Amino acid sequence: MLKVDDLHVWYELKRFGLGHAGYVRAVDGVSFELNAGEAMACVGESGCGKSSLMKTILRLNKPTKGTIDFKGINVGELDGLDLRDYRSKVGFIQQDPFGALAPFMTIQQILEEPLIINGFTNAAERQSKIETIMEEVKLTPVEEILPKFPHMLSGGQQQRVVIARAMILEPDLLVADEPVSMLDASVRVEILKLLRNLQEKHNLAVIYITHDLSTVRYFSEYIFVMYAGQIVEFAPIKSLLENPTHPYTQALLEASGDPDAKNALEYKEIPPGEPPSLVNPPSGCRFHPRCKFAIKGKCDVDMPKPMPVVDGSNMAITGNKHVAACWLVEEEWKERAGLTN
């Protein structure tokens, strides 16, 4: 359904009176594929490029380079009515439900607006769609909630309204930007279960953007880890949690405190320093200035390519599609093949 190929999103910097001053390389060569009915998680710390990637898939940003292919359509080239048609097929769930809902509109108006914009002229049909989606997201009794304003609802109810608005045009793809980070722990589970039920019922493709690794196991089939605008590891959820390979992934799992995650290299401290500048990123692997396993003369010089991860006992590839962009993976293959001393 969705194929992202070598996507770059660069923001130009300008200095007053001096013109061009470089680029912020927010997304720098990201590629992945997503099928109908699959949920894929995108994780990484703040500033890694998750939101820029999400906004570009929604076509709020235009790609600097590379392509986003949605059911055979190049999203980067869309405009006018074609772009509006694409956006009607992609639902967006925002992180902050209160900030995402217009405070001067009732829930009725909030849910009716996308239907009116997209040409649903029959009032009875609009009302039927609103009531159906309200019942699906468990916002009942419908007749009591529709006249209310957002501030009259709880945080969990507000997020259900955001989900209802994202689903009301019956999209094929759902982009969820940290949909539970602003909610209480008990409500998070309910919202994740709701999203999972909607995904299965409507055969939705879902991109779940988060910094919280403890929730991805309950919602996604696949996961990719971003650092400094690039994907450093991609794997099925179980494979990544049982065999995290990239040192940055190991550090994220260590910081998350996930009791079920196993760190193969026993990375027992948070990496020192800060994420690199995306205006002038370091050469080679972008994580090497913070990595205690960095190989001098290699990690700081050459950019690693994604390589299949081996399991703990033989040369077989771990799980399905588990790859990591790390020179340690190449060294592991060489060692097992007897090519190193």
C-alpha atoms as a PDB file:
ATOM      1  CA  MET A   1       0.000   0.000   0.000  1.00  0.00           C
ATOM      2  CA  LEU A   2       2.774   2.454   0.926  1.00  0.00           C
ATOM      3  CA  LYS A   3       6.356   2.409  -0.365  1.00  0.00           C
ATOM      4  CA  VAL A   4       8.823   5.049   0.795  1.00  0.00           C
ATOM      5  CA  ASP A   5      12.019   5.013  -1.259  1.00  0.00           C
ATOM      6  CA  ASP A   6      15.188   6.999  -0.398  1.00  0.00           C
ATOM      7  CA  LEU A   7      13.131   9.823   1.118  1.00  0.00           C
ATOM      8  CA  HIS A   8      14.920  13.080   1.970  1.00  0.00           C
ATOM      9  CA  VAL A   9      13.299  16.045   3.697  1.00  0.00           C
ATOM     10  CA  TRP A  10      15.651  19.000   4.034  1.00  0.00           C
ATOM     11  CA  TYR A  11      14.663  22.397   5.422  1.00  0.00           C
ATOM     12  CA  GLU A  12      16.586  25.355   4.031  1.00  0.00           C
ATOM     13  CA  LEU A  13      18.174  27.779   6.505  1.00  0.00           C
ATOM     14  CA  LYS A  14      18.446  31.460   5.660  1.00  0.00           C
ATOM     15  CA  ARG A  15      20.295  34.236   7.449  1.00  0.00           C
ATOM     16  CA  PHE A  16      18.871  37.731   7.365  1.00  0.00           C
ATOM     17  CA  GLY A  17      20.696  39.625   4.654  1.00  0.00           C
ATOM     18  CA  LEU A  18      23.057  36.749   3.864  1.00  0.00           C
ATOM     19  CA  GLY A  19      20.790  34.351   1.969  1.00  0.00           C
ATOM     20  CA  HIS A  20      21.266  30.582   2.015  1.00  0.00           C
ATOM     21  CA  ALA A  21      22.862  29.180   5.193  1.00  0.00           C
ATOM     22  CA  GLY A  22      22.586  25.417   4.724  1.00  0.00           C
ATOM     23  CA  TYR A  23      19.960  22.741   5.267  1.00  0.00           C
ATOM     24  CA  VAL A  24      18.493  20.869   8.224  1.00  0.00           C
ATOM     25  CA  ARG A  25      18.545  17.228   7.068  1.00  0.00           C
ATOM     26  CA  ALA A  26      15.504  16.116   9.038  1.00  0.00           C
ATOM     27  CA  VAL A  27      14.944  12.942   6.972  1.00  0.00           C
ATOM     28  CA  ASP A  28      17.975  11.681   5.082  1.00  0.00           C
ATOM     29  CA  GLY A  29      17.495   8.560   2.990  1.00  0.00           C
ATOM     30  CA  VAL A  30      14.599   6.647   4.585  1.00  0.00           C
ATOM     31  CA  SER A  31      13.077   3.599   2.833  1.00  0.00           C
ATOM     32  CA  PHE A  32      10.384   1.143   3.950  1.00  0.00           C
ATOM     33  CA  GLU A  33       7.218  -0.624   2.753  1.00  0.00           C
ATOM     34  CA  LEU A  34       3.862  -1.083   4.466  1.00  0.00           C
ATOM     35  CA  ASN A  35       1.086  -3.477   3.448  1.00  0.00           C
ATOM     36  CA  ALA A  36      -2.655  -3.253   4.079  1.00  0.00           C
ATOM     37  CA  GLY A  37      -3.577  -4.562   7.519  1.00  0.00           C
ATOM     38  CA  GLU A  38      -0.070  -4.086   8.935  1.00  0.00           C
ATOM     39  CA  ALA A  39       0.987  -1.807  11.775  1.00  0.00           C
ATOM     40  CA  MET A  40       4.514  -0.453  11.780  1.00  0.00           C
ATOM     41  CA  ALA A  41       6.095   1.486  14.621  1.00  0.00           C
ATOM     42  CA  CYS A  42       8.616   4.287  14.172  1.00  0.00           C
ATOM     43  CA  VAL A  43      10.658   4.980  17.317  1.00  0.00           C
ATOM     44  CA  GLY A  44      13.473   7.306  18.268  1.00  0.00           C
ATOM     45  CA  GLU A  45      14.298  10.186  20.570  1.00  0.00           C
ATOM     46  CA  SER A  46      13.157  13.769  19.995  1.00  0.00           C
ATOM     47  CA  GLY A  47      14.757  15.342  16.939  1.00  0.00           C
ATOM     48  CA  CYS A  48      15.402  12.062  15.113  1.00  0.00           C
ATOM     49  CA  GLY A  49      13.075  12.943  12.211  1.00  0.00           C
ATOM     50  CA  LYS A  50       9.900  11.029  13.151  1.00  0.00           C
ATOM     51  CA  SER A  51       7.556  14.010  12.880  1.00  0.00           C
ATOM     52  CA  SER A  52       9.102  15.287   9.646  1.00  0.00           C
ATOM     53  CA  LEU A  53       8.687  11.826   8.138  1.00  0.00           C
ATOM     54  CA  MET A  54       5.056  11.717   9.277  1.00  0.00           C
ATOM     55  CA  LYS A  55       4.258  15.191   7.933  1.00  0.00           C
ATOM     56  CA  THR A  56       5.775  14.300   4.574  1.00  0.00           C
ATOM     57  CA  ILE A  57       3.717  11.095   4.307  1.00  0.00           C
ATOM     58  CA  LEU A  58       0.656  13.256   5.030  1.00  0.00           C
ATOM     59  CA  ARG A  59       1.996  15.672   2.356  1.00  0.00           C
ATOM     60  CA  LEU A  60       2.133  18.592   4.740  1.00  0.00           C
ATOM     61  CA  ASN A  61       5.787  18.688   3.620  1.00  0.00           C
ATOM     62  CA  LYS A  62       6.993  18.064   0.092  1.00  0.00           C
ATOM     63  CA  PRO A  63       9.856  15.576  -0.362  1.00  0.00           C
ATOM     64  CA  THR A  64      13.223  17.125  -1.175  1.00  0.00           C
ATOM     65  CA  LYS A  65      14.302  13.891  -2.834  1.00  0.00           C
ATOM     66  CA  GLY A  66      12.970  10.354  -3.141  1.00  0.00           C
ATOM     67  CA  THR A  67       9.419   9.076  -3.538  1.00  0.00           C
ATOM     68  CA  ILE A  68       6.342   8.168  -1.509  1.00  0.00           C
ATOM     69  CA  ASP A  69       4.252   5.690  -3.471  1.00  0.00           C
ATOM     70  CA  PHE A  70       0.671   5.148  -2.241  1.00  0.00           C
ATOM     71  CA  LYS A  71      -1.168   2.442  -4.199  1.00  0.00           C
ATOM     72  CA  GLY A  72       0.840   3.300  -7.315  1.00  0.00           C
ATOM     73  CA  ILE A  73       0.482   7.092  -6.937  1.00  0.00           C
ATOM     74  CA  ASN A  74       3.521   9.340  -6.422  1.00  0.00           C
ATOM     75  CA  VAL A  75       2.379  11.432  -3.445  1.00  0.00           C
ATOM     76  CA  GLY A  76       5.109  14.043  -3.916  1.00  0.00           C
ATOM     77  CA  GLU A  77       3.665  15.133  -7.265  1.00  0.00           C
ATOM     78  CA  LEU A  78       0.049  15.566  -6.119  1.00  0.00           C
ATOM     79  CA  ASP A  79      -1.682  18.929  -5.945  1.00  0.00           C
ATOM     80  CA  GLY A  80      -5.178  20.414  -6.067  1.00  0.00           C
ATOM     81  CA  LEU A  81      -8.060  17.952  -6.033  1.00  0.00           C
ATOM     82  CA  ASP A  82      -5.731  14.966  -6.369  1.00  0.00           C
ATOM     83  CA  LEU A  83      -3.955  15.961  -3.152  1.00  0.00           C
ATOM     84  CA  ARG A  84      -7.280  16.426  -1.339  1.00  0.00           C
ATOM     85  CA  ASP A  85      -8.388  12.992  -2.537  1.00  0.00           C
ATOM     86  CA  TYR A  86      -5.152  11.461  -1.204  1.00  0.00           C
ATOM     87  CA  ARG A  87      -5.536  13.132   2.182  1.00  0.00           C
ATOM     88  CA  SER A  88      -9.078  11.776   2.468  1.00  0.00           C
ATOM     89  CA  LYS A  89      -7.546   8.270   2.338  1.00  0.00           C
ATOM     90  CA  VAL A  90      -4.989   8.964   5.077  1.00  0.00           C
ATOM     91  CA  GLY A  91      -6.218   9.504   8.644  1.00  0.00           C
ATOM     92  CA  PHE A  92      -4.145  11.467  11.147  1.00  0.00           C
ATOM     93  CA  ILE A  93      -4.262  11.034  14.928  1.00  0.00           C
ATOM     94  CA  GLN A  94      -2.510  13.878  16.743  1.00  0.00           C
ATOM     95  CA  GLN A  95      -0.513  13.624  19.952  1.00  0.00           C
ATOM     96  CA  ASP A  96      -2.344  16.295  21.959  1.00  0.00           C
ATOM     97  CA  PRO A  97      -6.104  15.755  21.641  1.00  0.00           C
ATOM     98  CA  PHE A  98      -7.081  19.011  23.331  1.00  0.00           C
ATOM     99  CA  GLY A  99      -4.816  21.060  21.065  1.00  0.00           C
ATOM    100  CA  ALA A 100      -6.062  19.164  17.997  1.00  0.00           C
ATOM    101  CA  LEU A 101      -9.733  20.013  18.532  1.00  0.00           C
ATOM    102  CA  ALA A 102     -11.137  23.474  17.807  1.00  0.00           C
ATOM    103  CA  PRO A 103     -12.425  24.785  21.186  1.00  0.00           C
ATOM    104  CA  PHE A 104     -15.264  26.810  19.587  1.00  0.00           C
ATOM    105  CA  MET A 105     -16.754  23.842  17.693  1.00  0.00           C
ATOM    106  CA  THR A 106     -19.032  21.146  19.091  1.00  0.00           C
ATOM    107  CA  ILE A 107     -18.190  17.475  18.600  1.00  0.00           C
ATOM    108  CA  GLN A 108     -20.988  17.373  16.003  1.00  0.00           C
ATOM    109  CA  GLN A 109     -19.322  20.173  14.014  1.00  0.00           C
ATOM    110  CA  ILE A 110     -15.841  18.693  14.384  1.00  0.00           C
ATOM    111  CA  LEU A 111     -16.909  15.348  12.941  1.00  0.00           C
ATOM    112  CA  GLU A 112     -19.178  16.831  10.284  1.00  0.00           C
ATOM    113  CA  GLU A 113     -16.588  19.233   8.852  1.00  0.00           C
ATOM    114  CA  PRO A 114     -14.441  16.646   6.946  1.00  0.00           C
ATOM    115  CA  LEU A 115     -17.611  15.152   5.449  1.00  0.00           C
ATOM    116  CA  ILE A 116     -18.786  18.545   4.194  1.00  0.00           C
ATOM    117  CA  ILE A 117     -15.361  19.394   2.769  1.00  0.00           C
ATOM    118  CA  ASN A 118     -15.246  16.094   0.898  1.00  0.00           C
ATOM    119  CA  GLY A 119     -18.616  16.476  -0.778  1.00  0.00           C
ATOM    120  CA  PHE A 120     -21.126  14.654   1.439  1.00  0.00           C
ATOM    121  CA  THR A 121     -24.121  16.892   0.736  1.00  0.00           C
ATOM    122  CA  ASN A 122     -26.829  14.705   2.256  1.00  0.00           C
ATOM    123  CA  ALA A 123     -27.335  15.703   5.916  1.00  0.00           C
ATOM    124  CA  ALA A 124     -28.924  12.371   6.855  1.00  0.00           C
ATOM    125  CA  GLU A 125     -25.968  10.463   5.371  1.00  0.00           C
ATOM    126  CA  ARG A 126     -23.520  12.657   7.285  1.00  0.00           C
ATOM    127  CA  GLN A 127     -25.395  12.079  10.535  1.00  0.00           C
ATOM    128  CA  SER A 128     -25.460   8.334   9.971  1.00  0.00           C
ATOM    129  CA  LYS A 129     -21.686   8.265   9.426  1.00  0.00           C
ATOM    130  CA  ILE A 130     -21.083  10.374  12.541  1.00  0.00           C
ATOM    131  CA  GLU A 131     -23.224   8.157  14.761  1.00  0.00           C
ATOM    132  CA  THR A 132     -21.668   4.968  13.375  1.00  0.00           C
ATOM    133  CA  ILE A 133     -18.085   6.089  14.015  1.00  0.00           C
ATOM    134  CA  MET A 134     -19.007   7.443  17.457  1.00  0.00           C
ATOM    135  CA  GLU A 135     -20.292   4.012  18.441  1.00  0.00           C
ATOM    136  CA  GLU A 136     -17.168   2.344  16.996  1.00  0.00           C
ATOM    137  CA  VAL A 137     -14.857   4.453  19.152  1.00  0.00           C
ATOM    138  CA  LYS A 138     -17.101   3.920  22.210  1.00  0.00           C
ATOM    139  CA  LEU A 139     -18.268   7.524  22.569  1.00  0.00           C
ATOM    140  CA  THR A 140     -21.735   6.851  23.920  1.00  0.00           C
ATOM    141  CA  PRO A 141     -24.453   7.869  24.473  1.00  0.00           C
ATOM    142  CA  VAL A 142     -23.965   9.640  21.140  1.00  0.00           C
ATOM    143  CA  GLU A 143     -26.794  12.141  21.576  1.00  0.00           C
ATOM    144  CA  GLU A 144     -25.281  13.433  24.825  1.00  0.00           C
ATOM    145  CA  ILE A 145     -21.717  13.866  23.525  1.00  0.00           C
ATOM    146  CA  LEU A 146     -22.365  15.452  20.104  1.00  0.00           C
ATOM    147  CA  PRO A 147     -23.571  18.851  21.473  1.00  0.00           C
ATOM    148  CA  LYS A 148     -20.589  19.171  23.848  1.00  0.00           C
ATOM    149  CA  PHE A 149     -17.428  21.206  23.333  1.00  0.00           C
ATOM    150  CA  PRO A 150     -13.960  19.561  23.656  1.00  0.00           C
ATOM    151  CA  HIS A 151     -13.218  21.093  27.089  1.00  0.00           C
ATOM    152  CA  MET A 152     -16.294  19.314  28.476  1.00  0.00           C
ATOM    153  CA  LEU A 153     -14.757  15.872  27.764  1.00  0.00           C
ATOM    154  CA  SER A 154     -12.028  13.915  29.543  1.00  0.00           C
ATOM    155  CA  GLY A 155      -8.611  13.402  27.923  1.00  0.00           C
ATOM    156  CA  GLY A 156      -9.531   9.874  26.874  1.00  0.00           C
ATOM    157  CA  GLN A 157     -12.816  11.037  25.353  1.00  0.00           C
ATOM    158  CA  GLN A 158     -11.035  13.836  23.479  1.00  0.00           C
ATOM    159  CA  GLN A 159      -8.599  11.326  21.973  1.00  0.00           C
ATOM    160  CA  ARG A 160     -11.518   9.134  20.895  1.00  0.00           C
ATOM    161  CA  VAL A 161     -12.984  12.155  19.100  1.00  0.00           C
ATOM    162  CA  VAL A 162      -9.633  12.669  17.323  1.00  0.00           C
ATOM    163  CA  ILE A 163      -9.661   8.991  16.306  1.00  0.00           C
ATOM    164  CA  ALA A 164     -13.285   9.271  15.133  1.00  0.00           C
ATOM    165  CA  ARG A 165     -12.389  12.285  12.979  1.00  0.00           C
ATOM    166  CA  ALA A 166      -9.426  10.401  11.484  1.00  0.00           C
ATOM    167  CA  MET A 167     -11.665   7.411  10.678  1.00  0.00           C
ATOM    168  CA  ILE A 168     -14.822   9.142   9.462  1.00  0.00           C
ATOM    169  CA  LEU A 169     -13.766   9.210   5.780  1.00  0.00           C
ATOM    170  CA  GLU A 170     -12.902   5.492   5.956  1.00  0.00           C
ATOM    171  CA  PRO A 171      -9.157   5.843   5.219  1.00  0.00           C
ATOM    172  CA  ASP A 172      -6.805   3.106   4.022  1.00  0.00           C
ATOM    173  CA  LEU A 173      -3.808   4.396   5.986  1.00  0.00           C
ATOM    174  CA  LEU A 174      -3.697   5.747   9.536  1.00  0.00           C
ATOM    175  CA  VAL A 175      -0.797   7.835  10.862  1.00  0.00           C
ATOM    176  CA  ALA A 176      -0.792   7.951  14.669  1.00  0.00           C
ATOM    177  CA  ASP A 177       1.647  10.482  16.132  1.00  0.00           C
ATOM    178  CA  GLU A 178       2.282   9.357  19.726  1.00  0.00           C
ATOM    179  CA  PRO A 179      -1.486   8.934  20.275  1.00  0.00           C
ATOM    180  CA  VAL A 180      -1.243   7.876  23.925  1.00  0.00           C
ATOM    181  CA  SER A 181       1.673   9.944  25.274  1.00  0.00           C
ATOM    182  CA  MET A 182      -0.646  12.633  26.744  1.00  0.00           C
ATOM    183  CA  LEU A 183      -2.946  10.146  28.487  1.00  0.00           C
ATOM    184  CA  ASP A 184      -2.965   8.383  31.850  1.00  0.00           C
ATOM    185  CA  ALA A 185      -1.486   4.881  31.913  1.00  0.00           C
ATOM    186  CA  SER A 186      -4.861   3.191  32.363  1.00  0.00           C
ATOM    187  CA  VAL A 187      -6.382   5.090  29.439  1.00  0.00           C
ATOM    188  CA  ARG A 188      -3.406   4.285  27.178  1.00  0.00           C
ATOM    189  CA  VAL A 189      -4.254   0.593  27.165  1.00  0.00           C
ATOM    190  CA  GLU A 190      -7.877   1.307  26.214  1.00  0.00           C
ATOM    191  CA  ILE A 191      -6.861   3.594  23.330  1.00  0.00           C
ATOM    192  CA  LEU A 192      -4.284   1.116  21.984  1.00  0.00           C
ATOM    193  CA  LYS A 193      -6.873  -1.688  22.123  1.00  0.00           C
ATOM    194  CA  LEU A 194      -9.355   0.554  20.311  1.00  0.00           C
ATOM    195  CA  LEU A 195      -6.827   1.339  17.559  1.00  0.00           C
ATOM    196  CA  ARG A 196      -5.971  -2.336  17.207  1.00  0.00           C
ATOM    197  CA  ASN A 197      -9.666  -3.267  16.871  1.00  0.00           C
ATOM    198  CA  LEU A 198     -10.196  -0.557  14.238  1.00  0.00           C
ATOM    199  CA  GLN A 199      -7.117  -1.731  12.346  1.00  0.00           C
ATOM    200  CA  GLU A 200      -8.306  -5.324  12.225  1.00  0.00           C
ATOM    201  CA  LYS A 201     -11.937  -4.472  11.436  1.00  0.00           C
ATOM    202  CA  HIS A 202     -11.115  -2.101   8.557  1.00  0.00           C
ATOM    203  CA  ASN A 203      -7.878  -3.779   7.383  1.00  0.00           C
ATOM    204  CA  LEU A 204      -5.987  -0.534   7.978  1.00  0.00           C
ATOM    205  CA  ALA A 205      -2.318   0.081   7.391  1.00  0.00           C
ATOM    206  CA  VAL A 206      -1.014   1.987  10.439  1.00  0.00           C
ATOM    207  CA  ILE A 207       2.166   3.952  11.108  1.00  0.00           C
ATOM    208  CA  TYR A 208       2.547   4.284  14.869  1.00  0.00           C
ATOM    209  CA  ILE A 209       5.045   7.006  15.803  1.00  0.00           C
ATOM    210  CA  THR A 210       6.325   6.884  19.368  1.00  0.00           C
ATOM    211  CA  HIS A 211       9.329   7.244  21.655  1.00  0.00           C
ATOM    212  CA  ASP A 212       7.907   4.677  24.089  1.00  0.00           C
ATOM    213  CA  LEU A 213       9.192   1.172  23.294  1.00  0.00           C
ATOM    214  CA  SER A 214       7.099  -0.338  26.066  1.00  0.00           C
ATOM    215  CA  THR A 215       3.877   0.105  24.037  1.00  0.00           C
ATOM    216  CA  VAL A 216       4.980  -1.057  20.576  1.00  0.00           C
ATOM    217  CA  ARG A 217       4.834  -4.787  21.395  1.00  0.00           C
ATOM    218  CA  TYR A 218       1.067  -4.507  21.900  1.00  0.00           C
ATOM    219  CA  PHE A 219       0.298  -2.696  18.682  1.00  0.00           C
ATOM    220  CA  SER A 220       2.769  -3.258  15.832  1.00  0.00           C
ATOM    221  CA  GLU A 221       4.059  -6.136  13.716  1.00  0.00           C
ATOM    222  CA  TYR A 222       7.202  -4.328  12.572  1.00  0.00           C
ATOM    223  CA  ILE A 223       9.371  -1.553  13.938  1.00  0.00           C
ATOM    224  CA  PHE A 224      12.061   0.745  12.619  1.00  0.00           C
ATOM    225  CA  VAL A 225      14.388   2.819  14.761  1.00  0.00           C
ATOM    226  CA  MET A 226      15.412   6.295  13.600  1.00  0.00           C
ATOM    227  CA  TYR A 227      18.479   8.266  14.595  1.00  0.00           C
ATOM    228  CA  ALA A 228      19.541  11.631  13.144  1.00  0.00           C
ATOM    229  CA  GLY A 229      17.179  11.379  10.190  1.00  0.00           C
ATOM    230  CA  GLN A 230      18.041   7.796   9.199  1.00  0.00           C
ATOM    231  CA  ILE A 231      16.745   4.290   9.893  1.00  0.00           C
ATOM    232  CA  VAL A 232      19.381   2.390  11.879  1.00  0.00           C
ATOM    233  CA  GLU A 233      17.460  -0.850  12.502  1.00  0.00           C
ATOM    234  CA  PHE A 234      14.351  -2.537  11.098  1.00  0.00           C
ATOM    235  CA  ALA A 235      12.802  -5.775  12.364  1.00  0.00           C
ATOM    236  CA  PRO A 236       9.669  -7.624  13.406  1.00  0.00           C
ATOM    237  CA  ILE A 237       8.778  -6.579  16.952  1.00  0.00           C
ATOM    238  CA  LYS A 238       9.675  -9.882  18.619  1.00  0.00           C
ATOM    239  CA  SER A 239      12.995 -10.125  16.790  1.00  0.00           C
ATOM    240  CA  LEU A 240      14.060  -6.609  17.752  1.00  0.00           C
ATOM    241  CA  LEU A 241      13.123  -6.950  21.423  1.00  0.00           C
ATOM    242  CA  GLU A 242      14.870 -10.317  21.746  1.00  0.00           C
ATOM    243  CA  ASN A 243      17.927  -9.447  19.674  1.00  0.00           C
ATOM    244  CA  PRO A 244      18.491  -5.651  19.528  1.00  0.00           C
ATOM    245  CA  THR A 245      21.594  -5.208  17.403  1.00  0.00           C
ATOM    246  CA  HIS A 246      22.354  -1.551  16.754  1.00  0.00           C
ATOM    247  CA  PRO A 247      23.947   0.098  19.835  1.00  0.00           C
ATOM    248  CA  TYR A 248      21.410   2.914  19.636  1.00  0.00           C
ATOM    249  CA  THR A 249      18.509   0.443  19.729  1.00  0.00           C
ATOM    250  CA  GLN A 250      20.099  -1.232  22.742  1.00  0.00           C
ATOM    251  CA  ALA A 251      20.408   2.142  24.460  1.00  0.00           C
ATOM    252  CA  LEU A 252      16.726   2.933  23.785  1.00  0.00           C
ATOM    253  CA  LEU A 253      15.659  -0.392  25.263  1.00  0.00           C
ATOM    254  CA  GLU A 254      17.872   0.132  28.295  1.00  0.00           C
ATOM    255  CA  ALA A 255      16.345   3.575  28.838  1.00  0.00           C
ATOM    256  CA  SER A 256      12.794   2.255  28.417  1.00  0.00           C
ATOM    257  CA  GLY A 257      13.118  -0.253  31.250  1.00  0.00           C
ATOM    258  CA  ASP A 258      11.201  -2.884  29.278  1.00  0.00           C
ATOM    259  CA  PRO A 259      11.500  -6.038  31.444  1.00  0.00           C
ATOM    260  CA  ASP A 260      11.064  -8.353  28.434  1.00  0.00           C
ATOM    261  CA  ALA A 261      13.727  -6.756  26.238  1.00  0.00           C
ATOM    262  CA  LYS A 262      17.126  -8.471  26.089  1.00  0.00           C
ATOM    263  CA  ASN A 263      20.239  -6.484  25.248  1.00  0.00           C
ATOM    264  CA  ALA A 264      22.580  -8.802  23.390  1.00  0.00           C
ATOM    265  CA  LEU A 265      25.681  -6.678  24.064  1.00  0.00           C
ATOM    266  CA  GLU A 266      24.639  -5.658  27.587  1.00  0.00           C
ATOM    267  CA  TYR A 267      24.600  -1.952  26.943  1.00  0.00           C
ATOM    268  CA  LYS A 268      24.164  -0.854  30.534  1.00  0.00           C
ATOM    269  CA  GLU A 269      24.409   2.921  30.367  1.00  0.00           C
ATOM    270  CA  ILE A 270      22.769   5.724  28.453  1.00  0.00           C
ATOM    271  CA  PRO A 271      25.117   6.968  25.709  1.00  0.00           C
ATOM    272  CA  PRO A 272      26.873  10.234  26.579  1.00  0.00           C
ATOM    273  CA  GLY A 273      26.425  13.433  24.637  1.00  0.00           C
ATOM    274  CA  GLU A 274      23.593  14.769  22.521  1.00  0.00           C
ATOM    275  CA  PRO A 275      22.181  13.824  19.103  1.00  0.00           C
ATOM    276  CA  PRO A 276      24.249  15.393  16.315  1.00  0.00           C
ATOM    277  CA  SER A 277      23.389  18.565  14.447  1.00  0.00           C
ATOM    278  CA  LEU A 278      21.272  17.808  11.406  1.00  0.00           C
ATOM    279  CA  VAL A 279      22.746  20.868   9.706  1.00  0.00           C
ATOM    280  CA  ASN A 280      26.244  19.399   9.766  1.00  0.00           C
ATOM    281  CA  PRO A 281      25.936  15.688  10.683  1.00  0.00           C
ATOM    282  CA  PRO A 282      29.087  13.678  11.437  1.00  0.00           C
ATOM    283  CA  SER A 283      30.749  11.582   8.760  1.00  0.00           C
ATOM    284  CA  GLY A 284      30.314   7.820   8.747  1.00  0.00           C
ATOM    285  CA  CYS A 285      27.767   6.385  11.161  1.00  0.00           C
ATOM    286  CA  ARG A 286      25.906   9.277  12.750  1.00  0.00           C
ATOM    287  CA  PHE A 287      25.836   7.507  16.108  1.00  0.00           C
ATOM    288  CA  HIS A 288      29.588   6.916  16.297  1.00  0.00           C
ATOM    289  CA  PRO A 289      30.443   9.991  18.473  1.00  0.00           C
ATOM    290  CA  ARG A 290      28.229   8.506  21.237  1.00  0.00           C
ATOM    291  CA  CYS A 291      28.887   4.795  20.639  1.00  0.00           C
ATOM    292  CA  LYS A 292      31.261   2.897  22.931  1.00  0.00           C
ATOM    293  CA  PHE A 293      31.579   0.128  20.302  1.00  0.00           C
ATOM    294  CA  ALA A 294      32.676   2.471  17.494  1.00  0.00           C
ATOM    295  CA  ILE A 295      35.508   1.107  15.323  1.00  0.00           C
ATOM    296  CA  LYS A 296      38.041   3.878  14.758  1.00  0.00           C
ATOM    297  CA  GLY A 297      38.823   4.473  11.110  1.00  0.00           C
ATOM    298  CA  LYS A 298      35.637   2.763  10.002  1.00  0.00           C
ATOM    299  CA  CYS A 299      32.553   3.891  11.898  1.00  0.00           C
ATOM    300  CA  ASP A 300      33.760   7.512  11.808  1.00  0.00           C
ATOM    301  CA  VAL A 301      34.571   7.399   8.075  1.00  0.00           C
ATOM    302  CA  ASP A 302      32.155   5.173   6.155  1.00  0.00           C
ATOM    303  CA  MET A 303      28.366   5.184   6.277  1.00  0.00           C
ATOM    304  CA  PRO A 304      27.152   1.629   7.127  1.00  0.00           C
ATOM    305  CA  LYS A 305      24.559  -0.028   4.905  1.00  0.00           C
ATOM    306  CA  PRO A 306      21.669  -2.117   6.323  1.00  0.00           C
ATOM    307  CA  MET A 307      22.797  -5.729   6.738  1.00  0.00           C
ATOM    308  CA  PRO A 308      20.902  -8.889   7.766  1.00  0.00           C
ATOM    309  CA  VAL A 309      21.243  -9.634  11.462  1.00  0.00           C
ATOM    310  CA  VAL A 310      22.489 -13.100  12.427  1.00  0.00           C
ATOM    311  CA  ASP A 311      21.012 -15.008  15.336  1.00  0.00           C
ATOM    312  CA  GLY A 312      22.997 -16.046  18.397  1.00  0.00           C
ATOM    313  CA  SER A 313      24.131 -19.454  17.196  1.00  0.00           C
ATOM    314  CA  ASN A 314      24.583 -19.658  13.416  1.00  0.00           C
ATOM    315  CA  MET A 315      24.627 -17.775  10.125  1.00  0.00           C
ATOM    316  CA  ALA A 316      20.840 -17.802   9.726  1.00  0.00           C
ATOM    317  CA  ILE A 317      19.072 -14.473   9.455  1.00  0.00           C
ATOM    318  CA  THR A 318      17.179 -13.649  12.630  1.00  0.00           C
ATOM    319  CA  GLY A 319      13.406 -13.609  12.222  1.00  0.00           C
ATOM    320  CA  ASN A 320      12.092 -11.967   9.076  1.00  0.00           C
ATOM    321  CA  LYS A 321      13.585  -8.837   7.500  1.00  0.00           C
ATOM    322  CA  HIS A 322      15.726  -7.955  10.525  1.00  0.00           C
ATOM    323  CA  VAL A 323      18.454  -5.571   9.338  1.00  0.00           C
ATOM    324  CA  ALA A 324      20.724  -3.070  11.077  1.00  0.00           C
ATOM    325  CA  ALA A 325      22.891  -0.295   9.632  1.00  0.00           C
ATOM    326  CA  CYS A 326      25.939  -0.992  11.778  1.00  0.00           C
ATOM    327  CA  TRP A 327      29.505  -2.100  11.001  1.00  0.00           C
ATOM    328  CA  LEU A 328      29.304  -4.451  14.003  1.00  0.00           C
ATOM    329  CA  VAL A 329      26.904  -6.606  11.975  1.00  0.00           C
ATOM    330  CA  GLU A 330      29.469  -6.955   9.189  1.00  0.00           C
ATOM    331  CA  GLU A 331      32.152  -7.837  11.747  1.00  0.00           C
ATOM    332  CA  GLU A 332      29.821 -10.488  13.202  1.00  0.00           C
ATOM    333  CA  TRP A 333      29.362 -12.066   9.771  1.00  0.00           C
ATOM    334  CA  LYS A 334      33.133 -12.052   9.163  1.00  0.00           C
ATOM    335  CA  GLU A 335      33.855 -13.608  12.551  1.00  0.00           C
ATOM    336  CA  ARG A 336      31.360 -16.424  12.021  1.00  0.00           C
ATOM    337  CA  ALA A 337      32.732 -17.065   8.550  1.00  0.00           C
ATOM    338  CA  GLY A 338      36.254 -17.337   9.957  1.00  0.00           C
ATOM    339  CA  LEU A 339      37.511 -14.261   8.119  1.00  0.00           C
ATOM    340  CA  THR A 340      38.853 -12.499  11.215  1.00  0.00           C
ATOM    341  CA  ASN A 341      41.496 -13.443  13.739  1.00  0.00           C
END
